[in-house]
N, C-alpha and C. Protein backbone atom coordinates (compact mmCIF):
# COMPACT_ATOMS: atom_id res chain seq x y z
N MET A 1 -12.89 -48.88 -47.88
CA MET A 1 -13.18 -49.10 -46.45
C MET A 1 -11.90 -49.44 -45.71
N ARG A 2 -11.03 -50.30 -46.37
CA ARG A 2 -9.79 -50.70 -45.73
C ARG A 2 -8.87 -49.49 -45.54
N ASN A 3 -8.81 -48.62 -46.58
CA ASN A 3 -7.97 -47.43 -46.46
C ASN A 3 -8.43 -46.53 -45.32
N ARG A 4 -9.76 -46.39 -45.16
CA ARG A 4 -10.29 -45.55 -44.09
C ARG A 4 -9.94 -46.14 -42.73
N THR A 5 -9.99 -47.47 -42.61
CA THR A 5 -9.65 -48.14 -41.34
C THR A 5 -8.21 -47.89 -40.98
N TRP A 6 -7.31 -48.01 -41.98
CA TRP A 6 -5.91 -47.77 -41.71
C TRP A 6 -5.65 -46.31 -41.32
N THR A 7 -6.41 -45.41 -41.96
CA THR A 7 -6.25 -43.99 -41.63
C THR A 7 -6.61 -43.73 -40.17
N VAL A 8 -7.73 -44.32 -39.72
CA VAL A 8 -8.16 -44.14 -38.33
C VAL A 8 -7.14 -44.74 -37.38
N LEU A 9 -6.63 -45.95 -37.69
CA LEU A 9 -5.66 -46.60 -36.82
C LEU A 9 -4.37 -45.81 -36.72
N LEU A 10 -3.90 -45.28 -37.86
CA LEU A 10 -2.68 -44.51 -37.86
C LEU A 10 -2.83 -43.21 -37.07
N ALA A 11 -4.00 -42.57 -37.22
CA ALA A 11 -4.25 -41.33 -36.48
C ALA A 11 -4.27 -41.59 -34.98
N GLY A 12 -4.92 -42.72 -34.59
CA GLY A 12 -4.96 -43.06 -33.17
C GLY A 12 -3.58 -43.35 -32.63
N PHE A 13 -2.75 -44.06 -33.42
CA PHE A 13 -1.39 -44.37 -32.99
C PHE A 13 -0.55 -43.11 -32.84
N ALA A 14 -0.70 -42.18 -33.80
CA ALA A 14 0.06 -40.93 -33.73
C ALA A 14 -0.32 -40.12 -32.50
N LEU A 15 -1.62 -40.08 -32.18
CA LEU A 15 -2.08 -39.33 -31.02
C LEU A 15 -1.53 -39.92 -29.74
N SER A 16 -1.58 -41.28 -29.64
CA SER A 16 -1.08 -41.92 -28.43
C SER A 16 0.42 -41.71 -28.29
N ALA A 17 1.13 -41.67 -29.40
CA ALA A 17 2.57 -41.43 -29.34
C ALA A 17 2.86 -40.03 -28.85
N CYS A 18 2.08 -39.05 -29.30
CA CYS A 18 2.28 -37.67 -28.86
C CYS A 18 2.03 -37.55 -27.36
N ILE A 19 0.97 -38.20 -26.88
CA ILE A 19 0.63 -38.13 -25.47
C ILE A 19 1.75 -38.74 -24.63
N SER A 20 2.30 -39.86 -25.09
CA SER A 20 3.33 -40.53 -24.30
C SER A 20 4.61 -39.71 -24.23
N LEU A 21 4.82 -38.82 -25.21
CA LEU A 21 6.03 -38.01 -25.23
C LEU A 21 5.91 -36.76 -24.37
N LEU A 22 4.71 -36.40 -23.93
CA LEU A 22 4.56 -35.21 -23.10
C LEU A 22 5.21 -35.44 -21.74
N PRO A 23 5.91 -34.45 -21.18
CA PRO A 23 6.55 -34.63 -19.88
C PRO A 23 5.51 -34.72 -18.77
N ASP A 24 5.82 -35.53 -17.76
CA ASP A 24 4.93 -35.62 -16.61
C ASP A 24 4.92 -34.30 -15.86
N ALA A 25 3.76 -33.97 -15.30
CA ALA A 25 3.65 -32.73 -14.52
C ALA A 25 4.54 -32.83 -13.28
N GLY A 26 5.34 -31.80 -13.05
CA GLY A 26 6.22 -31.79 -11.89
C GLY A 26 5.47 -31.39 -10.63
N PRO A 27 6.12 -31.48 -9.48
CA PRO A 27 5.47 -31.10 -8.23
C PRO A 27 5.17 -29.61 -8.21
N GLY A 28 4.02 -29.24 -7.72
CA GLY A 28 3.64 -27.84 -7.64
C GLY A 28 4.33 -27.14 -6.48
N PRO A 29 4.23 -25.82 -6.40
CA PRO A 29 4.85 -25.08 -5.30
C PRO A 29 4.12 -25.34 -3.99
N ASP A 30 4.82 -25.15 -2.89
CA ASP A 30 4.19 -25.23 -1.57
C ASP A 30 3.29 -24.02 -1.39
N ILE A 31 2.09 -24.24 -0.87
CA ILE A 31 1.13 -23.16 -0.65
C ILE A 31 1.08 -22.85 0.84
N TYR A 32 1.24 -21.56 1.17
CA TYR A 32 1.23 -21.13 2.56
C TYR A 32 0.11 -20.13 2.80
N ARG A 33 -0.44 -20.16 4.00
CA ARG A 33 -1.38 -19.12 4.40
C ARG A 33 -0.98 -18.60 5.77
N LEU A 34 -1.40 -17.39 6.05
CA LEU A 34 -1.17 -16.84 7.37
C LEU A 34 -2.03 -17.59 8.38
N THR A 35 -1.52 -17.77 9.58
CA THR A 35 -2.31 -18.44 10.60
C THR A 35 -3.50 -17.57 10.98
N HIS A 36 -4.58 -18.20 11.41
CA HIS A 36 -5.77 -17.46 11.78
C HIS A 36 -5.59 -16.83 13.15
N ALA A 37 -6.07 -15.60 13.27
CA ALA A 37 -6.02 -14.93 14.57
C ALA A 37 -7.05 -15.55 15.49
N ALA A 38 -6.83 -15.40 16.79
CA ALA A 38 -7.79 -15.91 17.76
C ALA A 38 -9.14 -15.22 17.56
N THR A 39 -10.21 -15.97 17.73
CA THR A 39 -11.56 -15.41 17.55
C THR A 39 -11.80 -14.28 18.54
N GLY A 40 -12.22 -13.14 18.03
CA GLY A 40 -12.44 -11.99 18.89
C GLY A 40 -13.87 -11.92 19.41
N SER A 41 -14.14 -10.82 20.07
CA SER A 41 -15.47 -10.60 20.63
C SER A 41 -16.43 -10.13 19.54
N GLN A 42 -17.71 -10.38 19.75
CA GLN A 42 -18.72 -9.88 18.83
C GLN A 42 -18.82 -8.38 18.98
N ALA A 43 -19.02 -7.68 17.87
CA ALA A 43 -19.09 -6.22 17.91
C ALA A 43 -20.22 -5.77 18.82
N SER A 44 -19.94 -4.79 19.66
CA SER A 44 -20.94 -4.26 20.58
C SER A 44 -21.91 -3.36 19.82
N GLU A 45 -23.02 -3.00 20.47
CA GLU A 45 -24.00 -2.13 19.83
C GLU A 45 -23.44 -0.74 19.58
N THR A 46 -22.44 -0.35 20.36
CA THR A 46 -21.84 0.97 20.21
C THR A 46 -20.53 0.92 19.40
N ALA A 47 -20.29 -0.18 18.74
CA ALA A 47 -19.04 -0.34 17.99
C ALA A 47 -18.92 0.71 16.89
N ILE A 48 -17.72 1.21 16.70
CA ILE A 48 -17.42 2.15 15.64
C ILE A 48 -17.24 1.38 14.33
N THR A 49 -17.89 1.85 13.28
CA THR A 49 -17.85 1.16 11.99
C THR A 49 -16.70 1.69 11.13
N LEU A 50 -15.87 0.78 10.68
CA LEU A 50 -14.71 1.14 9.87
C LEU A 50 -14.83 0.54 8.47
N LEU A 51 -14.53 1.35 7.48
CA LEU A 51 -14.43 0.86 6.11
C LEU A 51 -12.97 0.48 5.86
N LEU A 52 -12.73 -0.75 5.42
CA LEU A 52 -11.37 -1.22 5.18
C LEU A 52 -11.24 -1.67 3.72
N PRO A 53 -10.73 -0.79 2.86
CA PRO A 53 -10.50 -1.20 1.46
C PRO A 53 -9.36 -2.21 1.37
N VAL A 54 -9.18 -2.80 0.20
CA VAL A 54 -8.06 -3.71 -0.02
C VAL A 54 -6.76 -2.96 0.22
N VAL A 55 -5.81 -3.62 0.84
CA VAL A 55 -4.51 -3.02 1.12
C VAL A 55 -3.83 -2.60 -0.19
N LYS A 56 -3.32 -1.37 -0.22
CA LYS A 56 -2.57 -0.93 -1.39
C LYS A 56 -1.14 -1.42 -1.26
N ALA A 57 -0.60 -1.91 -2.36
CA ALA A 57 0.73 -2.49 -2.32
C ALA A 57 1.51 -2.09 -3.56
N PRO A 58 2.84 -2.00 -3.44
CA PRO A 58 3.66 -1.75 -4.64
C PRO A 58 3.54 -2.91 -5.62
N LYS A 59 3.89 -2.66 -6.85
CA LYS A 59 3.71 -3.64 -7.92
C LYS A 59 4.34 -4.98 -7.60
N GLU A 60 5.53 -4.95 -6.99
CA GLU A 60 6.25 -6.21 -6.74
C GLU A 60 5.62 -7.05 -5.64
N LEU A 61 4.64 -6.49 -4.91
CA LEU A 61 3.97 -7.25 -3.86
C LEU A 61 2.49 -7.50 -4.17
N LYS A 62 2.06 -7.15 -5.37
CA LYS A 62 0.67 -7.39 -5.77
C LYS A 62 0.52 -8.78 -6.38
N ASN A 63 0.99 -9.77 -5.68
CA ASN A 63 0.93 -11.14 -6.18
C ASN A 63 0.90 -12.08 -5.00
N ASN A 64 1.03 -13.36 -5.25
CA ASN A 64 1.03 -14.33 -4.16
C ASN A 64 2.40 -14.99 -3.99
N ARG A 65 3.46 -14.30 -4.40
CA ARG A 65 4.82 -14.82 -4.28
C ARG A 65 5.41 -14.46 -2.92
N VAL A 66 6.33 -15.29 -2.44
CA VAL A 66 7.03 -15.04 -1.18
C VAL A 66 8.27 -14.22 -1.52
N ALA A 67 8.27 -12.96 -1.11
CA ALA A 67 9.32 -12.02 -1.50
C ALA A 67 10.56 -12.19 -0.60
N LEU A 68 11.73 -12.14 -1.23
CA LEU A 68 13.01 -12.25 -0.53
C LEU A 68 13.85 -11.04 -0.89
N ILE A 69 14.42 -10.38 0.12
CA ILE A 69 15.26 -9.20 -0.11
C ILE A 69 16.70 -9.58 0.18
N ARG A 70 17.55 -9.40 -0.80
CA ARG A 70 18.97 -9.71 -0.66
C ARG A 70 19.80 -8.49 -1.05
N ASN A 71 20.96 -8.38 -0.47
CA ASN A 71 21.85 -7.24 -0.74
C ASN A 71 21.19 -5.91 -0.43
N GLY A 72 20.30 -5.92 0.54
CA GLY A 72 19.71 -4.67 1.00
C GLY A 72 18.50 -4.21 0.23
N SER A 73 18.46 -4.41 -1.09
CA SER A 73 17.35 -3.87 -1.87
C SER A 73 16.87 -4.78 -3.00
N ALA A 74 17.72 -5.68 -3.47
CA ALA A 74 17.34 -6.54 -4.59
C ALA A 74 16.25 -7.51 -4.16
N ILE A 75 15.15 -7.54 -4.90
CA ILE A 75 14.02 -8.40 -4.55
C ILE A 75 13.97 -9.59 -5.50
N SER A 76 13.74 -10.76 -4.92
CA SER A 76 13.50 -11.97 -5.69
C SER A 76 12.36 -12.72 -5.01
N TYR A 77 12.03 -13.89 -5.53
CA TYR A 77 10.92 -14.65 -4.98
C TYR A 77 11.33 -16.10 -4.76
N ALA A 78 10.80 -16.68 -3.69
CA ALA A 78 11.05 -18.09 -3.43
C ALA A 78 10.50 -18.91 -4.60
N ALA A 79 11.32 -19.80 -5.14
CA ALA A 79 10.95 -20.50 -6.37
C ALA A 79 9.77 -21.45 -6.19
N ASN A 80 9.72 -22.14 -5.08
CA ASN A 80 8.70 -23.19 -4.90
C ASN A 80 7.74 -22.87 -3.77
N ALA A 81 7.34 -21.62 -3.67
CA ALA A 81 6.41 -21.23 -2.60
C ALA A 81 5.44 -20.18 -3.11
N ARG A 82 4.21 -20.28 -2.66
CA ARG A 82 3.18 -19.30 -2.98
C ARG A 82 2.32 -19.09 -1.74
N TRP A 83 1.81 -17.87 -1.58
CA TRP A 83 0.76 -17.63 -0.60
C TRP A 83 -0.56 -18.13 -1.18
N ALA A 84 -1.50 -18.46 -0.33
CA ALA A 84 -2.77 -19.01 -0.78
C ALA A 84 -3.62 -17.98 -1.51
N ALA A 85 -3.35 -16.70 -1.29
CA ALA A 85 -4.08 -15.62 -1.97
C ALA A 85 -3.10 -14.49 -2.23
N SER A 86 -3.53 -13.51 -3.03
CA SER A 86 -2.65 -12.37 -3.27
C SER A 86 -2.38 -11.65 -1.96
N THR A 87 -1.19 -11.07 -1.84
CA THR A 87 -0.81 -10.42 -0.59
C THR A 87 -1.81 -9.35 -0.14
N PRO A 88 -2.27 -8.43 -1.01
CA PRO A 88 -3.23 -7.41 -0.55
C PRO A 88 -4.52 -8.01 0.00
N GLU A 89 -5.07 -9.02 -0.67
CA GLU A 89 -6.32 -9.63 -0.22
C GLU A 89 -6.12 -10.39 1.09
N MET A 90 -5.01 -11.09 1.20
CA MET A 90 -4.73 -11.86 2.40
C MET A 90 -4.56 -10.94 3.61
N LEU A 91 -3.86 -9.83 3.43
CA LEU A 91 -3.63 -8.91 4.54
C LEU A 91 -4.89 -8.14 4.90
N GLN A 92 -5.75 -7.86 3.93
CA GLN A 92 -7.01 -7.20 4.25
C GLN A 92 -7.81 -8.03 5.25
N GLN A 93 -7.85 -9.34 5.06
CA GLN A 93 -8.59 -10.20 5.98
C GLN A 93 -7.92 -10.28 7.34
N LEU A 94 -6.58 -10.36 7.35
CA LEU A 94 -5.85 -10.39 8.61
C LEU A 94 -6.09 -9.12 9.42
N LEU A 95 -6.03 -7.97 8.76
CA LEU A 95 -6.22 -6.69 9.45
C LEU A 95 -7.66 -6.55 9.94
N ALA A 96 -8.61 -7.03 9.14
CA ALA A 96 -10.01 -6.98 9.56
C ALA A 96 -10.22 -7.78 10.84
N ASP A 97 -9.63 -8.96 10.91
CA ASP A 97 -9.76 -9.79 12.11
C ASP A 97 -9.13 -9.11 13.31
N ALA A 98 -7.98 -8.46 13.10
CA ALA A 98 -7.32 -7.76 14.21
C ALA A 98 -8.16 -6.59 14.70
N LEU A 99 -8.76 -5.85 13.78
CA LEU A 99 -9.59 -4.70 14.17
C LEU A 99 -10.85 -5.12 14.92
N ARG A 100 -11.37 -6.27 14.58
CA ARG A 100 -12.60 -6.76 15.22
C ARG A 100 -12.34 -7.41 16.58
N HIS A 101 -11.10 -7.60 16.94
CA HIS A 101 -10.76 -8.52 18.02
C HIS A 101 -11.46 -8.24 19.35
N ASP A 102 -11.48 -6.98 19.80
CA ASP A 102 -12.04 -6.71 21.13
C ASP A 102 -13.49 -6.25 21.11
N GLY A 103 -14.11 -6.22 19.91
CA GLY A 103 -15.52 -5.88 19.83
C GLY A 103 -15.83 -4.41 19.78
N ALA A 104 -14.81 -3.55 19.89
CA ALA A 104 -15.05 -2.11 19.89
C ALA A 104 -15.21 -1.57 18.47
N LEU A 105 -14.77 -2.34 17.49
CA LEU A 105 -14.82 -1.89 16.10
C LEU A 105 -15.57 -2.91 15.24
N SER A 106 -16.33 -2.38 14.30
CA SER A 106 -17.02 -3.21 13.33
C SER A 106 -16.44 -2.89 11.96
N VAL A 107 -16.04 -3.91 11.22
CA VAL A 107 -15.35 -3.70 9.95
C VAL A 107 -16.27 -4.05 8.78
N ILE A 108 -16.32 -3.14 7.81
CA ILE A 108 -17.07 -3.39 6.58
C ILE A 108 -16.10 -3.23 5.41
N PHE A 109 -16.53 -3.74 4.24
CA PHE A 109 -15.70 -3.67 3.05
C PHE A 109 -16.42 -2.87 1.96
N PRO A 110 -15.68 -2.35 0.99
CA PRO A 110 -16.33 -1.66 -0.13
C PRO A 110 -17.37 -2.56 -0.79
N GLY A 111 -18.50 -1.99 -1.07
CA GLY A 111 -19.58 -2.77 -1.67
C GLY A 111 -20.59 -3.27 -0.67
N ASP A 112 -20.32 -3.13 0.63
CA ASP A 112 -21.28 -3.58 1.64
C ASP A 112 -22.50 -2.67 1.74
N GLY A 113 -22.36 -1.43 1.27
CA GLY A 113 -23.49 -0.51 1.29
C GLY A 113 -23.80 0.07 2.66
N VAL A 114 -22.84 0.03 3.56
CA VAL A 114 -23.03 0.55 4.92
C VAL A 114 -22.18 1.82 5.08
N LYS A 115 -22.75 2.83 5.71
CA LYS A 115 -22.02 4.07 5.94
C LYS A 115 -21.09 3.90 7.14
N PRO A 116 -19.80 4.10 6.95
CA PRO A 116 -18.85 3.92 8.06
C PRO A 116 -18.66 5.22 8.85
N ASN A 117 -18.16 5.08 10.06
CA ASN A 117 -17.75 6.25 10.84
C ASN A 117 -16.39 6.75 10.37
N PHE A 118 -15.51 5.79 10.03
CA PHE A 118 -14.17 6.13 9.56
C PHE A 118 -13.73 5.16 8.48
N GLU A 119 -12.72 5.58 7.74
CA GLU A 119 -12.11 4.71 6.74
C GLU A 119 -10.65 4.49 7.11
N VAL A 120 -10.21 3.23 7.04
CA VAL A 120 -8.82 2.89 7.34
C VAL A 120 -8.13 2.57 6.02
N ARG A 121 -7.16 3.38 5.67
CA ARG A 121 -6.42 3.17 4.44
C ARG A 121 -5.04 2.61 4.78
N VAL A 122 -4.75 1.46 4.25
CA VAL A 122 -3.50 0.77 4.58
C VAL A 122 -2.63 0.65 3.33
N ILE A 123 -1.41 1.12 3.45
CA ILE A 123 -0.44 1.04 2.35
C ILE A 123 0.68 0.11 2.80
N LEU A 124 0.88 -0.96 2.08
CA LEU A 124 1.90 -1.94 2.42
C LEU A 124 3.27 -1.42 2.00
N ARG A 125 4.21 -1.44 2.95
CA ARG A 125 5.58 -0.99 2.68
C ARG A 125 6.54 -2.17 2.58
N ALA A 126 6.28 -3.23 3.33
CA ALA A 126 7.16 -4.40 3.29
C ALA A 126 6.38 -5.63 3.73
N PHE A 127 6.61 -6.74 3.03
CA PHE A 127 6.04 -8.04 3.40
C PHE A 127 6.98 -9.07 2.81
N GLU A 128 8.03 -9.38 3.56
CA GLU A 128 9.15 -10.08 2.95
C GLU A 128 10.07 -10.72 3.97
N ALA A 129 11.02 -11.49 3.46
CA ALA A 129 12.12 -12.00 4.27
C ALA A 129 13.38 -11.24 3.86
N GLN A 130 14.07 -10.68 4.83
CA GLN A 130 15.28 -9.91 4.56
C GLN A 130 16.52 -10.68 5.02
N TYR A 131 17.42 -10.94 4.09
CA TYR A 131 18.68 -11.62 4.41
C TYR A 131 19.69 -10.55 4.85
N ASP A 132 19.55 -10.10 6.07
CA ASP A 132 20.37 -9.00 6.57
C ASP A 132 21.71 -9.47 7.13
N GLN A 133 21.91 -10.79 7.27
CA GLN A 133 23.16 -11.32 7.81
C GLN A 133 23.83 -12.28 6.83
N GLY A 134 23.53 -12.15 5.56
CA GLY A 134 24.12 -13.02 4.56
C GLY A 134 23.21 -14.18 4.20
N PHE A 135 23.50 -14.81 3.08
CA PHE A 135 22.64 -15.86 2.55
C PHE A 135 22.65 -17.13 3.38
N ASP A 136 23.70 -17.34 4.16
CA ASP A 136 23.80 -18.57 4.95
C ASP A 136 23.20 -18.45 6.34
N ALA A 137 22.73 -17.26 6.69
CA ALA A 137 22.14 -17.03 8.01
C ALA A 137 20.62 -16.91 7.89
N ALA A 138 19.94 -17.19 8.99
CA ALA A 138 18.48 -17.10 8.98
C ALA A 138 18.05 -15.65 8.76
N PRO A 139 17.17 -15.40 7.80
CA PRO A 139 16.69 -14.03 7.56
C PRO A 139 15.64 -13.64 8.58
N GLN A 140 15.19 -12.42 8.47
CA GLN A 140 14.11 -11.97 9.34
C GLN A 140 12.89 -11.61 8.50
N GLY A 141 11.72 -12.01 9.01
CA GLY A 141 10.49 -11.62 8.36
C GLY A 141 10.19 -10.17 8.71
N VAL A 142 9.84 -9.38 7.71
CA VAL A 142 9.58 -7.96 7.92
C VAL A 142 8.23 -7.60 7.32
N VAL A 143 7.39 -6.96 8.14
CA VAL A 143 6.09 -6.48 7.67
C VAL A 143 5.94 -5.04 8.11
N SER A 144 5.57 -4.18 7.19
CA SER A 144 5.43 -2.75 7.51
C SER A 144 4.26 -2.16 6.75
N TYR A 145 3.50 -1.33 7.47
CA TYR A 145 2.34 -0.63 6.89
C TYR A 145 2.43 0.86 7.18
N ARG A 146 1.90 1.65 6.27
CA ARG A 146 1.54 3.05 6.57
C ARG A 146 0.02 3.07 6.66
N VAL A 147 -0.51 3.53 7.79
CA VAL A 147 -1.94 3.48 8.04
C VAL A 147 -2.49 4.90 8.21
N ARG A 148 -3.58 5.17 7.52
CA ARG A 148 -4.24 6.47 7.64
C ARG A 148 -5.69 6.27 8.06
N LEU A 149 -6.11 7.04 9.06
CA LEU A 149 -7.50 7.02 9.51
C LEU A 149 -8.16 8.29 9.00
N VAL A 150 -9.23 8.12 8.22
CA VAL A 150 -9.86 9.25 7.52
C VAL A 150 -11.34 9.32 7.88
N ASP A 151 -11.84 10.55 8.05
CA ASP A 151 -13.28 10.77 8.20
C ASP A 151 -13.86 10.82 6.79
N PRO A 152 -14.66 9.84 6.38
CA PRO A 152 -15.15 9.80 4.99
C PRO A 152 -16.16 10.90 4.68
N HIS A 153 -16.72 11.53 5.69
CA HIS A 153 -17.73 12.57 5.47
C HIS A 153 -17.08 13.92 5.20
N THR A 154 -16.02 14.24 5.96
CA THR A 154 -15.35 15.53 5.80
C THR A 154 -14.05 15.40 5.00
N ARG A 155 -13.62 14.15 4.73
CA ARG A 155 -12.34 13.85 4.07
C ARG A 155 -11.16 14.32 4.91
N GLN A 156 -11.39 14.49 6.18
CA GLN A 156 -10.33 14.94 7.08
C GLN A 156 -9.44 13.77 7.50
N LEU A 157 -8.13 14.01 7.51
CA LEU A 157 -7.19 13.00 7.99
C LEU A 157 -7.16 13.05 9.51
N ILE A 158 -7.60 11.98 10.14
CA ILE A 158 -7.64 11.93 11.60
C ILE A 158 -6.27 11.60 12.17
N GLY A 159 -5.56 10.73 11.50
CA GLY A 159 -4.22 10.36 11.98
C GLY A 159 -3.51 9.48 10.97
N GLU A 160 -2.20 9.43 11.10
CA GLU A 160 -1.37 8.62 10.22
C GLU A 160 -0.22 8.04 11.02
N GLU A 161 0.10 6.78 10.79
CA GLU A 161 1.15 6.12 11.57
C GLU A 161 1.79 5.02 10.72
N ILE A 162 3.05 4.74 11.00
CA ILE A 162 3.77 3.64 10.34
C ILE A 162 4.01 2.54 11.37
N PHE A 163 3.74 1.32 10.97
CA PHE A 163 3.98 0.16 11.82
C PHE A 163 4.94 -0.77 11.10
N GLN A 164 5.98 -1.18 11.82
CA GLN A 164 6.94 -2.12 11.25
C GLN A 164 7.35 -3.12 12.31
N VAL A 165 7.30 -4.38 11.96
CA VAL A 165 7.68 -5.46 12.88
C VAL A 165 8.63 -6.40 12.17
N LYS A 166 9.67 -6.83 12.89
CA LYS A 166 10.64 -7.79 12.37
C LYS A 166 10.67 -9.02 13.28
N SER A 167 10.77 -10.18 12.67
CA SER A 167 10.81 -11.43 13.42
C SER A 167 11.84 -12.36 12.77
N ARG A 168 12.83 -12.77 13.56
CA ARG A 168 13.91 -13.59 13.02
C ARG A 168 13.43 -15.03 12.79
N SER A 169 13.75 -15.58 11.62
CA SER A 169 13.43 -16.97 11.32
C SER A 169 14.26 -17.90 12.20
N ALA A 170 13.70 -19.06 12.54
CA ALA A 170 14.42 -20.02 13.37
C ALA A 170 15.61 -20.62 12.63
N ASP A 171 15.52 -20.73 11.33
CA ASP A 171 16.61 -21.28 10.51
C ASP A 171 16.39 -20.84 9.07
N ILE A 172 17.12 -21.47 8.15
CA ILE A 172 17.05 -21.02 6.75
C ILE A 172 16.05 -21.81 5.92
N ARG A 173 15.31 -22.72 6.53
CA ARG A 173 14.30 -23.48 5.79
C ARG A 173 13.13 -22.57 5.42
N LEU A 174 12.53 -22.85 4.27
CA LEU A 174 11.45 -22.00 3.77
C LEU A 174 10.27 -21.96 4.74
N GLY A 175 9.93 -23.11 5.34
CA GLY A 175 8.83 -23.13 6.29
C GLY A 175 9.07 -22.21 7.47
N SER A 176 10.31 -22.16 7.96
CA SER A 176 10.66 -21.28 9.08
C SER A 176 10.62 -19.81 8.66
N ILE A 177 11.05 -19.55 7.44
CA ILE A 177 11.03 -18.17 6.93
C ILE A 177 9.60 -17.66 6.81
N VAL A 178 8.72 -18.48 6.27
CA VAL A 178 7.32 -18.10 6.15
C VAL A 178 6.70 -17.90 7.54
N ALA A 179 7.08 -18.75 8.49
CA ALA A 179 6.56 -18.60 9.86
C ALA A 179 6.99 -17.28 10.47
N ALA A 180 8.21 -16.84 10.18
CA ALA A 180 8.69 -15.55 10.70
C ALA A 180 7.90 -14.40 10.11
N ILE A 181 7.60 -14.47 8.82
CA ILE A 181 6.76 -13.44 8.19
C ILE A 181 5.38 -13.43 8.82
N ASP A 182 4.85 -14.61 9.11
CA ASP A 182 3.54 -14.74 9.74
C ASP A 182 3.52 -14.05 11.10
N VAL A 183 4.54 -14.30 11.91
CA VAL A 183 4.62 -13.67 13.24
C VAL A 183 4.66 -12.15 13.12
N ALA A 184 5.49 -11.65 12.20
CA ALA A 184 5.59 -10.20 12.00
C ALA A 184 4.27 -9.61 11.53
N ALA A 185 3.58 -10.32 10.64
CA ALA A 185 2.30 -9.83 10.11
C ALA A 185 1.25 -9.71 11.21
N HIS A 186 1.17 -10.70 12.07
CA HIS A 186 0.19 -10.67 13.15
C HIS A 186 0.50 -9.58 14.17
N GLU A 187 1.77 -9.40 14.50
CA GLU A 187 2.12 -8.37 15.48
C GLU A 187 1.89 -6.97 14.92
N ALA A 188 2.22 -6.76 13.64
CA ALA A 188 1.96 -5.47 13.02
C ALA A 188 0.46 -5.18 12.97
N ALA A 189 -0.34 -6.20 12.69
CA ALA A 189 -1.80 -6.04 12.67
C ALA A 189 -2.32 -5.70 14.06
N ARG A 190 -1.78 -6.34 15.08
CA ARG A 190 -2.21 -6.08 16.46
C ARG A 190 -1.89 -4.64 16.86
N GLN A 191 -0.69 -4.19 16.55
CA GLN A 191 -0.30 -2.81 16.88
C GLN A 191 -1.18 -1.80 16.14
N MET A 192 -1.46 -2.08 14.87
CA MET A 192 -2.31 -1.20 14.10
C MET A 192 -3.71 -1.12 14.69
N ALA A 193 -4.25 -2.26 15.10
CA ALA A 193 -5.60 -2.30 15.64
C ALA A 193 -5.70 -1.49 16.93
N ILE A 194 -4.68 -1.56 17.77
CA ILE A 194 -4.68 -0.78 19.01
C ILE A 194 -4.70 0.71 18.69
N TRP A 195 -3.86 1.10 17.74
CA TRP A 195 -3.78 2.52 17.37
C TRP A 195 -5.10 3.01 16.77
N VAL A 196 -5.68 2.24 15.85
CA VAL A 196 -6.95 2.64 15.23
C VAL A 196 -8.06 2.73 16.27
N THR A 197 -8.10 1.80 17.20
CA THR A 197 -9.12 1.84 18.25
C THR A 197 -9.02 3.11 19.07
N GLU A 198 -7.81 3.47 19.46
CA GLU A 198 -7.60 4.66 20.27
C GLU A 198 -7.92 5.93 19.50
N ARG A 199 -7.48 6.03 18.24
CA ARG A 199 -7.71 7.25 17.46
C ARG A 199 -9.17 7.42 17.06
N SER A 200 -9.83 6.33 16.74
CA SER A 200 -11.24 6.44 16.34
C SER A 200 -12.14 6.77 17.54
N ALA A 201 -11.70 6.40 18.73
CA ALA A 201 -12.48 6.73 19.94
C ALA A 201 -12.26 8.19 20.35
N ASN A 202 -11.10 8.74 19.94
CA ASN A 202 -10.78 10.14 20.30
C ASN A 202 -10.24 10.85 19.07
N PRO A 203 -11.13 11.12 18.10
CA PRO A 203 -10.66 11.73 16.84
C PRO A 203 -10.21 13.18 17.04
């Protein structure tokens, strides 16, 4: 019985020693989200229904990392920053809000089971901070999409357009850089929504 007691005590001591040697968890990365767009109008009874699949993105942007472009093309990521969701999912919601803004368009997603009038296919070309003036200067947030409006019934391409917006960061702090990307993302979404509204009304 005494041997068993010592065995239990020694095991407990060894376990507590192991736990005490584990490193403390360090601070997690800062989590950022895009600001919410202003609440738009409710869709009218005559609203055109659009199917908006998840934004297609290159492999290096299919994550929730904050992308940084240096030396013109080399891509890296901010070490202590993350978006609150993956870039394609986050932008799908932003674009949906922009399309719904004036009430002329109604947005549905794959799986909703509703037949759309048109499908909006969005291909992400850039969602990043570009250090175009050197590492010591404030970069610019850059967001770019290739957008295609398709008739899902005939598979006809109604129109195709590229949207690109740049917004200079106020300084080199990460919060300012993310804010610049946010501004560019909202403006690119607004421009896209205007174009889709016009093309879907006059296919």
